[in-house]
Amino acid sequence: MRLLGKRVNGGFEDIKKEIRYVDIKKQIVKPHVKDVYLFSTYVAGLFYRDMSVVHNHLDEGDILYLKREPENQYDKNAIMVTTEDGYVLGYIPKKENSLSQRLLDAGKYLYAIVDEFLEDSNKLDIDLYLSYRDVMENTNEVVSMLIENPSTYKSKM
C-alpha cells in the first residue's frame, strides 16, 4: 500500500492506496462481434487504488475483466474490475451489479471495455459485454457429445 496525503479540514490526512492483483486466467476472453452489450457504468472505488500502476497503460478501447468476490464484507454481490494482468481497479457499483453477479455465478463470461478514463479525476467509464465464448463452449460440448454418441441425435429425428 502507498500512502498519499489528502487535504482535510485545513490539514492533511494519510490515505492508503491499495495495490492488489488477483488471478483472472479463467475470466480471460477475446471480444467477438457476436458478444452482447449489457450496459454502461463506471468503476467504483478508484480513489482507493494506486492508479500509478496503470498510469499511461489504460486507454479507451482496452479490455478489462470481471471477477466475482463473494467474500467481500461490504457487498456479497461484489464484482471486481481488473486489468489484463489482474490488477484490481475497483468494482462494478453495488446498485448495478445484481445482473452481472447472476450471470457470472451461472458460469457466463463477462468483460468490460474502457469507454473513457480520466485519471486526474479518478473517473473510469466502461461498457459491459456478455461473451460469445459461452455460446461457443456449449456448442462445442454438444458437437463432442454427438460425435461420441451419434445415436443421441438420430433418436430425436
N, C-alpha and C. Protein backbone atom coordinates (compact mmCIF):
# COMPACT_ATOMS: atom_id res chain seq x y z
N MET A 1 0.84 -1.18 0.00
CA MET A 1 0.00 0.00 0.00
C MET A 1 0.88 1.24 0.00
N ARG A 2 0.39 2.25 -0.67
CA ARG A 2 1.10 3.52 -0.74
C ARG A 2 0.27 4.57 -0.02
N LEU A 3 0.90 5.42 0.77
CA LEU A 3 0.20 6.48 1.48
C LEU A 3 0.27 7.77 0.70
N LEU A 4 -0.85 8.42 0.56
CA LEU A 4 -0.92 9.71 -0.10
C LEU A 4 -1.62 10.68 0.85
N GLY A 5 -1.24 11.94 0.78
CA GLY A 5 -1.88 12.94 1.63
C GLY A 5 -3.15 13.47 1.00
N LYS A 6 -4.16 13.71 1.82
CA LYS A 6 -5.42 14.29 1.36
C LYS A 6 -5.73 15.46 2.27
N ARG A 7 -6.08 16.60 1.68
CA ARG A 7 -6.40 17.79 2.47
C ARG A 7 -7.75 17.58 3.15
N VAL A 8 -7.75 17.68 4.50
CA VAL A 8 -8.95 17.54 5.28
C VAL A 8 -8.94 18.59 6.37
N ASN A 9 -9.97 19.45 6.41
CA ASN A 9 -10.10 20.50 7.44
C ASN A 9 -8.82 21.32 7.61
N GLY A 10 -8.24 21.75 6.52
CA GLY A 10 -7.06 22.60 6.57
C GLY A 10 -5.76 21.84 6.80
N GLY A 11 -5.82 20.55 7.10
CA GLY A 11 -4.61 19.74 7.31
C GLY A 11 -4.54 18.64 6.27
N PHE A 12 -3.65 17.68 6.49
CA PHE A 12 -3.53 16.55 5.58
C PHE A 12 -3.79 15.25 6.33
N GLU A 13 -4.49 14.37 5.68
CA GLU A 13 -4.79 13.06 6.24
C GLU A 13 -4.19 12.02 5.30
N ASP A 14 -3.54 11.01 5.85
CA ASP A 14 -2.97 9.96 5.01
C ASP A 14 -4.07 9.02 4.53
N ILE A 15 -4.04 8.75 3.24
CA ILE A 15 -4.98 7.83 2.61
C ILE A 15 -4.17 6.65 2.06
N LYS A 16 -4.57 5.45 2.43
CA LYS A 16 -3.87 4.26 1.93
C LYS A 16 -4.40 3.93 0.55
N LYS A 17 -3.51 3.81 -0.41
CA LYS A 17 -3.87 3.42 -1.77
C LYS A 17 -3.47 1.96 -1.96
N GLU A 18 -4.42 1.14 -2.29
CA GLU A 18 -4.20 -0.29 -2.39
C GLU A 18 -3.61 -0.70 -3.74
N ILE A 19 -2.67 -1.62 -3.68
CA ILE A 19 -2.14 -2.30 -4.87
C ILE A 19 -2.50 -3.76 -4.69
N ARG A 20 -3.36 -4.27 -5.56
CA ARG A 20 -3.84 -5.64 -5.41
C ARG A 20 -3.99 -6.31 -6.77
N TYR A 21 -3.47 -7.52 -6.85
CA TYR A 21 -3.60 -8.33 -8.06
C TYR A 21 -4.37 -9.60 -7.71
N VAL A 22 -5.19 -10.08 -8.66
CA VAL A 22 -5.91 -11.34 -8.50
C VAL A 22 -5.69 -12.19 -9.74
N ASP A 23 -5.91 -13.49 -9.60
CA ASP A 23 -5.77 -14.41 -10.72
C ASP A 23 -7.04 -14.34 -11.58
N ILE A 24 -6.89 -13.98 -12.83
CA ILE A 24 -8.05 -13.87 -13.72
C ILE A 24 -7.96 -14.80 -14.93
N LYS A 25 -7.11 -15.81 -14.86
CA LYS A 25 -6.93 -16.71 -16.01
C LYS A 25 -8.25 -17.28 -16.51
N LYS A 26 -9.18 -17.59 -15.61
CA LYS A 26 -10.46 -18.18 -16.02
C LYS A 26 -11.41 -17.14 -16.61
N GLN A 27 -11.16 -15.87 -16.37
CA GLN A 27 -12.04 -14.81 -16.86
C GLN A 27 -11.65 -14.28 -18.23
N ILE A 28 -10.47 -14.63 -18.70
CA ILE A 28 -9.96 -14.04 -19.94
C ILE A 28 -10.73 -14.54 -21.16
N VAL A 29 -11.25 -13.59 -21.91
CA VAL A 29 -11.95 -13.87 -23.16
C VAL A 29 -11.49 -12.85 -24.19
N LYS A 30 -11.68 -13.18 -25.44
CA LYS A 30 -11.38 -12.23 -26.51
C LYS A 30 -12.71 -11.70 -27.04
N PRO A 31 -12.79 -10.40 -27.26
CA PRO A 31 -14.03 -9.84 -27.82
C PRO A 31 -14.37 -10.47 -29.16
N HIS A 32 -15.66 -10.61 -29.41
CA HIS A 32 -16.17 -11.22 -30.63
C HIS A 32 -17.33 -10.36 -31.14
N VAL A 33 -17.54 -10.32 -32.44
CA VAL A 33 -18.62 -9.49 -32.99
C VAL A 33 -20.00 -9.93 -32.51
N LYS A 34 -20.14 -11.16 -32.05
CA LYS A 34 -21.43 -11.65 -31.58
C LYS A 34 -21.63 -11.47 -30.07
N ASP A 35 -20.67 -10.82 -29.39
CA ASP A 35 -20.83 -10.56 -27.96
C ASP A 35 -22.02 -9.62 -27.76
N VAL A 36 -22.66 -9.73 -26.61
CA VAL A 36 -23.87 -8.96 -26.32
C VAL A 36 -23.55 -7.81 -25.38
N TYR A 37 -23.84 -6.59 -25.83
CA TYR A 37 -23.67 -5.41 -24.97
C TYR A 37 -24.73 -5.47 -23.88
N LEU A 38 -24.32 -5.28 -22.60
CA LEU A 38 -25.26 -5.31 -21.49
C LEU A 38 -25.64 -3.91 -21.02
N PHE A 39 -24.65 -3.13 -20.58
CA PHE A 39 -24.91 -1.77 -20.12
C PHE A 39 -23.60 -1.02 -19.90
N SER A 40 -23.73 0.29 -19.72
CA SER A 40 -22.57 1.13 -19.43
C SER A 40 -22.63 1.56 -17.97
N THR A 41 -21.47 1.70 -17.36
CA THR A 41 -21.39 2.12 -15.96
C THR A 41 -20.02 2.73 -15.72
N TYR A 42 -19.68 2.90 -14.48
CA TYR A 42 -18.36 3.40 -14.09
C TYR A 42 -17.74 2.40 -13.12
N VAL A 43 -16.45 2.56 -12.86
CA VAL A 43 -15.77 1.70 -11.89
C VAL A 43 -15.74 2.45 -10.56
N ALA A 44 -16.34 1.84 -9.55
CA ALA A 44 -16.38 2.43 -8.22
C ALA A 44 -15.09 2.10 -7.47
N GLY A 45 -14.65 3.02 -6.61
CA GLY A 45 -13.52 2.76 -5.73
C GLY A 45 -12.15 3.09 -6.28
N LEU A 46 -12.08 3.77 -7.42
CA LEU A 46 -10.76 4.11 -7.99
C LEU A 46 -9.92 4.95 -7.02
N PHE A 47 -10.58 5.77 -6.24
CA PHE A 47 -9.88 6.65 -5.32
C PHE A 47 -8.99 5.86 -4.34
N TYR A 48 -9.39 4.65 -4.03
CA TYR A 48 -8.68 3.83 -3.05
C TYR A 48 -7.59 2.95 -3.66
N ARG A 49 -7.43 3.02 -4.96
CA ARG A 49 -6.42 2.22 -5.67
C ARG A 49 -5.24 3.10 -6.07
N ASP A 50 -4.08 2.49 -6.09
CA ASP A 50 -2.88 3.20 -6.56
C ASP A 50 -2.90 3.17 -8.08
N MET A 51 -3.44 4.21 -8.68
CA MET A 51 -3.60 4.26 -10.12
C MET A 51 -2.30 4.53 -10.86
N SER A 52 -1.22 4.81 -10.13
CA SER A 52 0.07 5.00 -10.80
C SER A 52 0.52 3.70 -11.45
N VAL A 53 0.00 2.56 -10.98
CA VAL A 53 0.33 1.25 -11.55
C VAL A 53 -0.12 1.18 -13.01
N VAL A 54 -1.24 1.82 -13.33
CA VAL A 54 -1.76 1.77 -14.70
C VAL A 54 -1.58 3.09 -15.45
N HIS A 55 -0.89 4.02 -14.84
CA HIS A 55 -0.66 5.32 -15.48
C HIS A 55 -0.02 5.11 -16.86
N ASN A 56 -0.59 5.73 -17.88
CA ASN A 56 -0.14 5.61 -19.27
C ASN A 56 -0.30 4.20 -19.85
N HIS A 57 -1.06 3.33 -19.19
CA HIS A 57 -1.25 1.96 -19.70
C HIS A 57 -2.72 1.60 -19.86
N LEU A 58 -3.60 2.54 -19.57
CA LEU A 58 -5.03 2.27 -19.66
C LEU A 58 -5.66 3.28 -20.61
N ASP A 59 -6.19 2.77 -21.72
CA ASP A 59 -6.72 3.65 -22.77
C ASP A 59 -8.13 3.25 -23.16
N GLU A 60 -8.81 4.17 -23.83
CA GLU A 60 -10.11 3.89 -24.38
C GLU A 60 -10.01 2.68 -25.31
N GLY A 61 -10.96 1.76 -25.18
CA GLY A 61 -10.97 0.56 -26.01
C GLY A 61 -10.26 -0.63 -25.38
N ASP A 62 -9.54 -0.43 -24.29
CA ASP A 62 -8.86 -1.55 -23.62
C ASP A 62 -9.89 -2.49 -22.99
N ILE A 63 -9.55 -3.77 -22.95
CA ILE A 63 -10.42 -4.76 -22.34
C ILE A 63 -10.08 -4.89 -20.85
N LEU A 64 -11.13 -5.00 -20.04
CA LEU A 64 -10.98 -5.22 -18.61
C LEU A 64 -11.77 -6.48 -18.26
N TYR A 65 -11.38 -7.13 -17.18
CA TYR A 65 -12.01 -8.39 -16.81
C TYR A 65 -12.76 -8.26 -15.50
N LEU A 66 -13.81 -9.06 -15.39
CA LEU A 66 -14.68 -9.02 -14.22
C LEU A 66 -14.53 -10.32 -13.45
N LYS A 67 -14.42 -10.18 -12.14
CA LYS A 67 -14.27 -11.37 -11.29
C LYS A 67 -15.11 -11.18 -10.04
N ARG A 68 -15.88 -12.21 -9.71
CA ARG A 68 -16.70 -12.17 -8.51
C ARG A 68 -15.84 -12.18 -7.25
N GLU A 69 -16.34 -11.52 -6.23
CA GLU A 69 -15.69 -11.52 -4.92
C GLU A 69 -16.78 -11.71 -3.85
N PRO A 70 -17.33 -12.94 -3.77
CA PRO A 70 -18.46 -13.18 -2.87
C PRO A 70 -18.12 -13.01 -1.40
N GLU A 71 -16.85 -13.06 -1.06
CA GLU A 71 -16.44 -12.90 0.34
C GLU A 71 -16.24 -11.43 0.73
N ASN A 72 -16.57 -10.50 -0.15
CA ASN A 72 -16.44 -9.07 0.12
C ASN A 72 -17.34 -8.70 1.30
N GLN A 73 -16.76 -8.06 2.32
CA GLN A 73 -17.51 -7.76 3.53
C GLN A 73 -18.56 -6.66 3.35
N TYR A 74 -18.43 -5.85 2.30
CA TYR A 74 -19.35 -4.74 2.07
C TYR A 74 -20.46 -5.07 1.09
N ASP A 75 -20.25 -6.09 0.25
CA ASP A 75 -21.22 -6.39 -0.79
C ASP A 75 -21.07 -7.85 -1.21
N LYS A 76 -22.05 -8.68 -0.87
CA LYS A 76 -21.98 -10.11 -1.21
C LYS A 76 -22.05 -10.36 -2.72
N ASN A 77 -22.49 -9.36 -3.48
CA ASN A 77 -22.56 -9.48 -4.94
C ASN A 77 -21.39 -8.79 -5.63
N ALA A 78 -20.35 -8.46 -4.90
CA ALA A 78 -19.24 -7.66 -5.43
C ALA A 78 -18.59 -8.29 -6.67
N ILE A 79 -18.29 -7.41 -7.63
CA ILE A 79 -17.61 -7.81 -8.86
C ILE A 79 -16.42 -6.88 -9.07
N MET A 80 -15.23 -7.47 -9.02
CA MET A 80 -14.01 -6.69 -9.25
C MET A 80 -13.84 -6.40 -10.73
N VAL A 81 -13.26 -5.25 -11.03
CA VAL A 81 -12.89 -4.89 -12.39
C VAL A 81 -11.37 -4.86 -12.40
N THR A 82 -10.76 -5.68 -13.27
CA THR A 82 -9.30 -5.80 -13.29
C THR A 82 -8.73 -5.53 -14.68
N THR A 83 -7.44 -5.26 -14.69
CA THR A 83 -6.72 -5.14 -15.95
C THR A 83 -6.38 -6.54 -16.45
N GLU A 84 -5.77 -6.61 -17.60
CA GLU A 84 -5.40 -7.89 -18.22
C GLU A 84 -4.43 -8.70 -17.36
N ASP A 85 -3.63 -8.02 -16.54
CA ASP A 85 -2.69 -8.75 -15.68
C ASP A 85 -3.25 -8.98 -14.28
N GLY A 86 -4.54 -8.67 -14.06
CA GLY A 86 -5.18 -8.95 -12.78
C GLY A 86 -5.12 -7.84 -11.75
N TYR A 87 -4.65 -6.64 -12.16
CA TYR A 87 -4.62 -5.52 -11.21
C TYR A 87 -6.05 -5.04 -10.96
N VAL A 88 -6.45 -5.01 -9.69
CA VAL A 88 -7.81 -4.62 -9.33
C VAL A 88 -7.92 -3.10 -9.37
N LEU A 89 -8.79 -2.62 -10.28
CA LEU A 89 -9.04 -1.19 -10.42
C LEU A 89 -10.14 -0.72 -9.47
N GLY A 90 -11.12 -1.56 -9.25
CA GLY A 90 -12.26 -1.20 -8.43
C GLY A 90 -13.36 -2.21 -8.63
N TYR A 91 -14.61 -1.73 -8.55
CA TYR A 91 -15.77 -2.62 -8.58
C TYR A 91 -16.88 -2.07 -9.45
N ILE A 92 -17.73 -2.98 -9.94
CA ILE A 92 -18.99 -2.56 -10.55
C ILE A 92 -19.79 -1.95 -9.39
N PRO A 93 -20.40 -0.79 -9.58
CA PRO A 93 -21.15 -0.18 -8.48
C PRO A 93 -22.21 -1.13 -7.91
N LYS A 94 -22.33 -1.13 -6.60
CA LYS A 94 -23.25 -2.03 -5.89
C LYS A 94 -24.68 -1.95 -6.43
N LYS A 95 -25.13 -0.75 -6.76
CA LYS A 95 -26.52 -0.60 -7.23
C LYS A 95 -26.73 -1.16 -8.63
N GLU A 96 -25.65 -1.54 -9.33
CA GLU A 96 -25.76 -2.03 -10.71
C GLU A 96 -25.19 -3.43 -10.91
N ASN A 97 -24.84 -4.14 -9.84
CA ASN A 97 -24.12 -5.40 -10.04
C ASN A 97 -24.95 -6.67 -9.96
N SER A 98 -26.25 -6.59 -9.69
CA SER A 98 -27.02 -7.82 -9.49
C SER A 98 -27.14 -8.67 -10.77
N LEU A 99 -27.37 -8.05 -11.92
CA LEU A 99 -27.45 -8.81 -13.17
C LEU A 99 -26.11 -9.48 -13.48
N SER A 100 -25.04 -8.71 -13.40
CA SER A 100 -23.70 -9.25 -13.69
C SER A 100 -23.34 -10.36 -12.72
N GLN A 101 -23.69 -10.17 -11.46
CA GLN A 101 -23.40 -11.19 -10.44
C GLN A 101 -24.10 -12.50 -10.78
N ARG A 102 -25.37 -12.42 -11.17
CA ARG A 102 -26.11 -13.64 -11.51
C ARG A 102 -25.51 -14.33 -12.74
N LEU A 103 -25.14 -13.55 -13.74
CA LEU A 103 -24.54 -14.14 -14.94
C LEU A 103 -23.20 -14.80 -14.62
N LEU A 104 -22.34 -14.12 -13.87
CA LEU A 104 -21.05 -14.69 -13.51
C LEU A 104 -21.21 -15.95 -12.67
N ASP A 105 -22.13 -15.92 -11.71
CA ASP A 105 -22.36 -17.09 -10.87
C ASP A 105 -22.92 -18.27 -11.66
N ALA A 106 -23.57 -17.98 -12.78
CA ALA A 106 -24.11 -19.03 -13.65
C ALA A 106 -23.06 -19.55 -14.63
N GLY A 107 -21.83 -19.05 -14.51
CA GLY A 107 -20.75 -19.53 -15.37
C GLY A 107 -20.59 -18.79 -16.68
N LYS A 108 -21.28 -17.67 -16.83
CA LYS A 108 -21.17 -16.88 -18.07
C LYS A 108 -19.88 -16.07 -18.03
N TYR A 109 -19.40 -15.70 -19.20
CA TYR A 109 -18.19 -14.90 -19.33
C TYR A 109 -18.56 -13.45 -19.63
N LEU A 110 -18.13 -12.54 -18.76
CA LEU A 110 -18.38 -11.12 -18.95
C LEU A 110 -17.04 -10.40 -18.99
N TYR A 111 -17.03 -9.29 -19.68
CA TYR A 111 -15.84 -8.43 -19.70
C TYR A 111 -16.30 -7.00 -19.91
N ALA A 112 -15.38 -6.08 -19.80
CA ALA A 112 -15.70 -4.66 -19.99
C ALA A 112 -14.70 -4.04 -20.96
N ILE A 113 -15.14 -3.00 -21.62
CA ILE A 113 -14.28 -2.21 -22.49
C ILE A 113 -14.24 -0.79 -21.94
N VAL A 114 -13.03 -0.23 -21.86
CA VAL A 114 -12.88 1.14 -21.37
C VAL A 114 -13.54 2.09 -22.35
N ASP A 115 -14.48 2.87 -21.85
CA ASP A 115 -15.15 3.89 -22.66
C ASP A 115 -14.42 5.22 -22.51
N GLU A 116 -14.11 5.57 -21.26
CA GLU A 116 -13.40 6.83 -21.00
C GLU A 116 -12.65 6.70 -19.68
N PHE A 117 -11.39 7.15 -19.68
CA PHE A 117 -10.58 7.13 -18.46
C PHE A 117 -9.98 8.51 -18.27
N LEU A 118 -10.39 9.17 -17.19
CA LEU A 118 -9.86 10.47 -16.82
C LEU A 118 -9.10 10.29 -15.51
N GLU A 119 -7.81 10.05 -15.63
CA GLU A 119 -7.01 9.71 -14.46
C GLU A 119 -7.00 10.84 -13.43
N ASP A 120 -6.96 12.08 -13.88
CA ASP A 120 -6.89 13.20 -12.95
C ASP A 120 -8.12 13.27 -12.05
N SER A 121 -9.26 12.83 -12.53
CA SER A 121 -10.48 12.91 -11.74
C SER A 121 -10.93 11.54 -11.21
N ASN A 122 -10.07 10.53 -11.36
CA ASN A 122 -10.43 9.18 -10.91
C ASN A 122 -11.78 8.73 -11.49
N LYS A 123 -11.93 8.90 -12.79
CA LYS A 123 -13.17 8.52 -13.47
C LYS A 123 -12.84 7.48 -14.55
N LEU A 124 -13.51 6.35 -14.47
CA LEU A 124 -13.33 5.28 -15.45
C LEU A 124 -14.71 4.77 -15.84
N ASP A 125 -15.14 5.09 -17.06
CA ASP A 125 -16.42 4.62 -17.59
C ASP A 125 -16.17 3.39 -18.45
N ILE A 126 -17.05 2.41 -18.30
CA ILE A 126 -16.87 1.14 -19.02
C ILE A 126 -18.19 0.67 -19.62
N ASP A 127 -18.08 -0.18 -20.64
CA ASP A 127 -19.22 -0.86 -21.25
C ASP A 127 -19.06 -2.34 -20.96
N LEU A 128 -20.11 -2.98 -20.44
CA LEU A 128 -20.07 -4.40 -20.11
C LEU A 128 -20.66 -5.25 -21.23
N TYR A 129 -20.04 -6.41 -21.46
CA TYR A 129 -20.45 -7.33 -22.51
C TYR A 129 -20.55 -8.76 -21.99
N LEU A 130 -21.50 -9.49 -22.54
CA LEU A 130 -21.63 -10.93 -22.33
C LEU A 130 -20.89 -11.58 -23.49
N SER A 131 -19.94 -12.43 -23.19
CA SER A 131 -19.10 -13.02 -24.22
C SER A 131 -19.81 -14.13 -25.00
N TYR A 132 -19.52 -14.17 -26.28
CA TYR A 132 -19.99 -15.22 -27.18
C TYR A 132 -19.30 -16.54 -26.84
N ARG A 133 -18.20 -16.50 -26.09
CA ARG A 133 -17.43 -17.70 -25.73
C ARG A 133 -18.32 -18.76 -25.10
N ASP A 134 -19.25 -18.33 -24.25
CA ASP A 134 -20.13 -19.28 -23.57
C ASP A 134 -20.97 -20.04 -24.58
N VAL A 135 -21.47 -19.35 -25.57
CA VAL A 135 -22.26 -19.99 -26.62
C VAL A 135 -21.40 -21.00 -27.37
N MET A 136 -20.17 -20.61 -27.69
CA MET A 136 -19.27 -21.49 -28.42
C MET A 136 -18.92 -22.73 -27.61
N GLU A 137 -18.66 -22.57 -26.30
CA GLU A 137 -18.32 -23.72 -25.47
C GLU A 137 -19.49 -24.69 -25.39
N ASN A 138 -20.70 -24.16 -25.25
CA ASN A 138 -21.88 -25.03 -25.19
C ASN A 138 -22.07 -25.76 -26.51
N THR A 139 -21.85 -25.08 -27.64
CA THR A 139 -21.96 -25.69 -28.96
C THR A 139 -20.91 -26.78 -29.13
N ASN A 140 -19.67 -26.49 -28.73
CA ASN A 140 -18.60 -27.49 -28.83
C ASN A 140 -18.90 -28.71 -27.98
N GLU A 141 -19.52 -28.48 -26.81
CA GLU A 141 -19.87 -29.59 -25.93
C GLU A 141 -20.92 -30.48 -26.60
N VAL A 142 -21.91 -29.89 -27.23
CA VAL A 142 -22.96 -30.64 -27.93
C VAL A 142 -22.37 -31.41 -29.10
N VAL A 143 -21.50 -30.74 -29.89
CA VAL A 143 -20.86 -31.41 -31.03
C VAL A 143 -20.03 -32.59 -30.56
N SER A 144 -19.27 -32.41 -29.49
CA SER A 144 -18.45 -33.51 -28.95
C SER A 144 -19.34 -34.67 -28.52
N MET A 145 -20.45 -34.34 -27.88
CA MET A 145 -21.37 -35.37 -27.43
C MET A 145 -21.94 -36.14 -28.62
N LEU A 146 -22.29 -35.44 -29.70
CA LEU A 146 -22.84 -36.08 -30.88
C LEU A 146 -21.82 -36.96 -31.59
N ILE A 147 -20.58 -36.52 -31.59
CA ILE A 147 -19.52 -37.32 -32.22
C ILE A 147 -19.30 -38.61 -31.43
N GLU A 148 -19.32 -38.47 -30.10
CA GLU A 148 -19.11 -39.65 -29.25
C GLU A 148 -20.30 -40.59 -29.25
N ASN A 149 -21.51 -40.03 -29.40
CA ASN A 149 -22.73 -40.84 -29.35
C ASN A 149 -23.73 -40.35 -30.40
N PRO A 150 -23.50 -40.66 -31.67
CA PRO A 150 -24.37 -40.16 -32.75
C PRO A 150 -25.82 -40.62 -32.63
N SER A 151 -26.08 -41.70 -31.95
CA SER A 151 -27.45 -42.19 -31.83
C SER A 151 -28.33 -41.20 -31.03
N THR A 152 -27.70 -40.37 -30.20
CA THR A 152 -28.46 -39.37 -29.44
C THR A 152 -29.18 -38.42 -30.40
N TYR A 153 -28.50 -37.99 -31.43
CA TYR A 153 -29.10 -37.07 -32.41
C TYR A 153 -30.13 -37.78 -33.27
N LYS A 154 -29.82 -38.98 -33.75
CA LYS A 154 -30.73 -39.70 -34.63
C LYS A 154 -32.03 -40.05 -33.96
N SER A 155 -31.99 -40.31 -32.68
CA SER A 155 -33.21 -40.70 -31.97
C SER A 155 -34.19 -39.55 -31.86
N LYS A 156 -33.74 -38.31 -32.02
CA LYS A 156 -34.60 -37.15 -31.92
C LYS A 156 -35.14 -36.70 -33.27
N MET A 157 -34.79 -37.40 -34.34
CA MET A 157 -35.26 -37.01 -35.67
C MET A 157 -36.57 -37.66 -36.00
